[in-house]
Amino acid sequence: MNIVWEVDPDIHAYILPLAIQPLVENAVKHGIQRRSSGSTVRIRIVDREEAVEVAVSDDGVGMSEEDRANL
């Protein structure tokens, strides 16, 4: 598994690790765990002036169209 960090170099914010952990765990459990190899989790932290954006994404198997429709 690869982890890619994309952090705004000019960001000055303190983010509790426990705020990001559930997002990463979800990406691993529901996304990349089902793949046989070569998976990537991307953690992006960007300063949006009045807020800090934290995004976690993966290149896992994704969701079926049926599951998407049920959301």
N, C-alpha and C. Protein backbone atom coordinates (compact mmCIF):
# COMPACT_ATOMS: atom_id res chain seq x y z
N MET A 1 0.85 -1.18 0.00
CA MET A 1 0.00 0.00 0.00
C MET A 1 0.89 1.23 0.00
N ASN A 2 0.53 2.18 -0.83
CA ASN A 2 1.24 3.46 -0.90
C ASN A 2 0.40 4.54 -0.25
N ILE A 3 1.06 5.44 0.47
CA ILE A 3 0.40 6.60 1.05
C ILE A 3 1.01 7.84 0.39
N VAL A 4 0.16 8.69 -0.16
CA VAL A 4 0.62 9.92 -0.79
C VAL A 4 0.05 11.08 0.00
N TRP A 5 0.94 11.92 0.52
CA TRP A 5 0.55 13.11 1.26
C TRP A 5 0.65 14.32 0.34
N GLU A 6 -0.43 15.08 0.23
CA GLU A 6 -0.43 16.34 -0.51
C GLU A 6 -0.83 17.43 0.48
N VAL A 7 0.15 18.07 1.06
CA VAL A 7 -0.11 19.07 2.10
C VAL A 7 0.37 20.43 1.60
N ASP A 8 -0.52 21.41 1.67
CA ASP A 8 -0.20 22.77 1.30
C ASP A 8 1.03 23.21 2.09
N PRO A 9 2.13 23.57 1.43
CA PRO A 9 3.36 23.91 2.16
C PRO A 9 3.24 25.15 3.04
N ASP A 10 2.26 26.00 2.76
CA ASP A 10 2.10 27.23 3.53
C ASP A 10 1.04 27.11 4.62
N ILE A 11 0.55 25.92 4.85
CA ILE A 11 -0.53 25.75 5.83
C ILE A 11 0.02 25.85 7.25
N HIS A 12 -0.73 26.54 8.08
CA HIS A 12 -0.37 26.68 9.49
C HIS A 12 -1.60 26.32 10.32
N ALA A 13 -1.84 25.03 10.45
CA ALA A 13 -3.01 24.55 11.19
C ALA A 13 -2.62 23.29 11.94
N TYR A 14 -3.25 23.10 13.08
CA TYR A 14 -3.04 21.88 13.85
C TYR A 14 -4.26 21.00 13.64
N ILE A 15 -4.03 19.81 13.12
CA ILE A 15 -5.12 18.87 12.88
C ILE A 15 -4.86 17.63 13.73
N LEU A 16 -5.81 17.30 14.55
CA LEU A 16 -5.66 16.11 15.39
C LEU A 16 -5.59 14.85 14.53
N PRO A 17 -4.62 13.99 14.79
CA PRO A 17 -4.52 12.74 14.02
C PRO A 17 -5.80 11.91 14.06
N LEU A 18 -6.50 11.95 15.19
CA LEU A 18 -7.74 11.17 15.30
C LEU A 18 -8.85 11.73 14.42
N ALA A 19 -8.68 12.93 13.89
CA ALA A 19 -9.66 13.48 12.96
C ALA A 19 -9.51 12.85 11.57
N ILE A 20 -8.31 12.46 11.22
CA ILE A 20 -8.03 11.88 9.90
C ILE A 20 -8.09 10.35 9.93
N GLN A 21 -7.77 9.75 11.05
CA GLN A 21 -7.68 8.30 11.15
C GLN A 21 -8.93 7.56 10.66
N PRO A 22 -10.15 7.95 11.07
CA PRO A 22 -11.32 7.20 10.59
C PRO A 22 -11.49 7.27 9.07
N LEU A 23 -11.09 8.39 8.48
CA LEU A 23 -11.19 8.53 7.03
C LEU A 23 -10.24 7.57 6.32
N VAL A 24 -9.02 7.47 6.84
CA VAL A 24 -8.04 6.57 6.25
C VAL A 24 -8.46 5.11 6.47
N GLU A 25 -8.93 4.80 7.67
CA GLU A 25 -9.39 3.44 7.94
C GLU A 25 -10.52 3.04 7.00
N ASN A 26 -11.44 3.96 6.74
CA ASN A 26 -12.54 3.68 5.83
C ASN A 26 -12.03 3.42 4.41
N ALA A 27 -11.06 4.21 3.97
CA ALA A 27 -10.49 4.01 2.63
C ALA A 27 -9.83 2.64 2.52
N VAL A 28 -9.14 2.24 3.57
CA VAL A 28 -8.48 0.93 3.55
C VAL A 28 -9.51 -0.20 3.61
N LYS A 29 -10.43 -0.10 4.54
CA LYS A 29 -11.39 -1.19 4.76
C LYS A 29 -12.34 -1.38 3.57
N HIS A 30 -12.86 -0.29 3.05
CA HIS A 30 -13.90 -0.38 2.02
C HIS A 30 -13.38 -0.15 0.61
N GLY A 31 -12.14 0.27 0.48
CA GLY A 31 -11.62 0.55 -0.85
C GLY A 31 -10.51 -0.37 -1.27
N ILE A 32 -9.37 -0.22 -0.64
CA ILE A 32 -8.19 -0.92 -1.14
C ILE A 32 -7.99 -2.31 -0.58
N GLN A 33 -8.66 -2.65 0.51
CA GLN A 33 -8.47 -3.97 1.11
C GLN A 33 -8.91 -5.08 0.14
N ARG A 34 -9.84 -4.78 -0.73
CA ARG A 34 -10.35 -5.77 -1.67
C ARG A 34 -9.45 -5.95 -2.89
N ARG A 35 -8.48 -5.09 -3.06
CA ARG A 35 -7.55 -5.22 -4.18
C ARG A 35 -6.42 -6.16 -3.80
N SER A 36 -5.87 -6.80 -4.79
CA SER A 36 -4.81 -7.76 -4.51
C SER A 36 -3.46 -7.09 -4.28
N SER A 37 -3.20 -5.96 -4.95
CA SER A 37 -1.92 -5.27 -4.75
C SER A 37 -1.94 -3.89 -5.41
N GLY A 38 -0.92 -3.11 -5.09
CA GLY A 38 -0.71 -1.82 -5.75
C GLY A 38 -1.72 -0.74 -5.43
N SER A 39 -2.16 -0.65 -4.21
CA SER A 39 -3.18 0.33 -3.84
C SER A 39 -2.54 1.61 -3.29
N THR A 40 -3.28 2.71 -3.44
CA THR A 40 -2.80 4.00 -2.97
C THR A 40 -3.89 4.73 -2.20
N VAL A 41 -3.53 5.28 -1.05
CA VAL A 41 -4.39 6.19 -0.29
C VAL A 41 -3.76 7.56 -0.39
N ARG A 42 -4.56 8.55 -0.77
CA ARG A 42 -4.07 9.92 -0.92
C ARG A 42 -4.70 10.78 0.16
N ILE A 43 -3.86 11.50 0.91
CA ILE A 43 -4.33 12.40 1.97
C ILE A 43 -3.95 13.82 1.55
N ARG A 44 -4.98 14.65 1.35
CA ARG A 44 -4.74 16.01 0.87
C ARG A 44 -5.23 17.00 1.92
N ILE A 45 -4.37 17.96 2.27
CA ILE A 45 -4.71 18.99 3.25
C ILE A 45 -4.40 20.34 2.62
N VAL A 46 -5.45 21.17 2.47
CA VAL A 46 -5.31 22.43 1.74
C VAL A 46 -5.90 23.56 2.58
N ASP A 47 -5.23 24.69 2.57
CA ASP A 47 -5.73 25.89 3.25
C ASP A 47 -6.72 26.59 2.33
N ARG A 48 -7.95 26.75 2.80
CA ARG A 48 -9.00 27.41 2.03
C ARG A 48 -9.39 28.74 2.67
N GLU A 49 -8.41 29.51 3.12
CA GLU A 49 -8.57 30.81 3.77
C GLU A 49 -9.33 30.73 5.08
N GLU A 50 -10.62 30.48 5.06
CA GLU A 50 -11.41 30.45 6.29
C GLU A 50 -11.56 29.05 6.87
N ALA A 51 -11.00 28.06 6.18
CA ALA A 51 -11.11 26.67 6.64
C ALA A 51 -9.95 25.86 6.08
N VAL A 52 -9.78 24.69 6.65
CA VAL A 52 -8.78 23.76 6.15
C VAL A 52 -9.53 22.57 5.56
N GLU A 53 -9.22 22.22 4.33
CA GLU A 53 -9.87 21.10 3.67
C GLU A 53 -9.00 19.85 3.84
N VAL A 54 -9.60 18.79 4.36
CA VAL A 54 -8.91 17.51 4.49
C VAL A 54 -9.68 16.51 3.63
N ALA A 55 -8.99 15.89 2.69
CA ALA A 55 -9.63 14.91 1.81
C ALA A 55 -8.80 13.63 1.80
N VAL A 56 -9.47 12.51 1.90
CA VAL A 56 -8.83 11.20 1.82
C VAL A 56 -9.48 10.46 0.67
N SER A 57 -8.67 9.97 -0.26
CA SER A 57 -9.20 9.22 -1.39
C SER A 57 -8.35 7.98 -1.61
N ASP A 58 -8.91 7.03 -2.35
CA ASP A 58 -8.18 5.80 -2.64
C ASP A 58 -8.48 5.36 -4.07
N ASP A 59 -7.69 4.45 -4.56
CA ASP A 59 -7.89 3.91 -5.91
C ASP A 59 -8.43 2.48 -5.84
N GLY A 60 -9.28 2.26 -4.86
CA GLY A 60 -9.84 0.93 -4.63
C GLY A 60 -10.90 0.53 -5.64
N VAL A 61 -11.64 -0.49 -5.28
CA VAL A 61 -12.60 -1.10 -6.19
C VAL A 61 -13.82 -0.22 -6.46
N GLY A 62 -14.10 0.73 -5.62
CA GLY A 62 -15.23 1.62 -5.83
C GLY A 62 -16.54 0.99 -5.41
N MET A 63 -17.62 1.69 -5.76
CA MET A 63 -18.97 1.24 -5.38
C MET A 63 -19.73 0.83 -6.64
N SER A 64 -20.67 -0.08 -6.45
CA SER A 64 -21.53 -0.46 -7.56
C SER A 64 -22.51 0.67 -7.83
N GLU A 65 -23.07 0.69 -9.03
CA GLU A 65 -24.06 1.71 -9.36
C GLU A 65 -25.29 1.60 -8.47
N GLU A 66 -25.64 0.39 -8.08
CA GLU A 66 -26.77 0.17 -7.19
C GLU A 66 -26.51 0.82 -5.83
N ASP A 67 -25.31 0.61 -5.27
CA ASP A 67 -24.96 1.22 -3.99
C ASP A 67 -24.98 2.75 -4.09
N ARG A 68 -24.47 3.28 -5.18
CA ARG A 68 -24.49 4.74 -5.38
C ARG A 68 -25.91 5.27 -5.40
N ALA A 69 -26.78 4.58 -6.11
CA ALA A 69 -28.18 5.01 -6.21
C ALA A 69 -28.86 5.00 -4.85
N ASN A 70 -28.47 4.06 -3.98
CA ASN A 70 -29.07 3.96 -2.66
C ASN A 70 -28.58 5.01 -1.68
N LEU A 71 -27.51 5.70 -2.02
CA LEU A 71 -27.03 6.77 -1.14
C LEU A 71 -27.96 7.94 -1.26
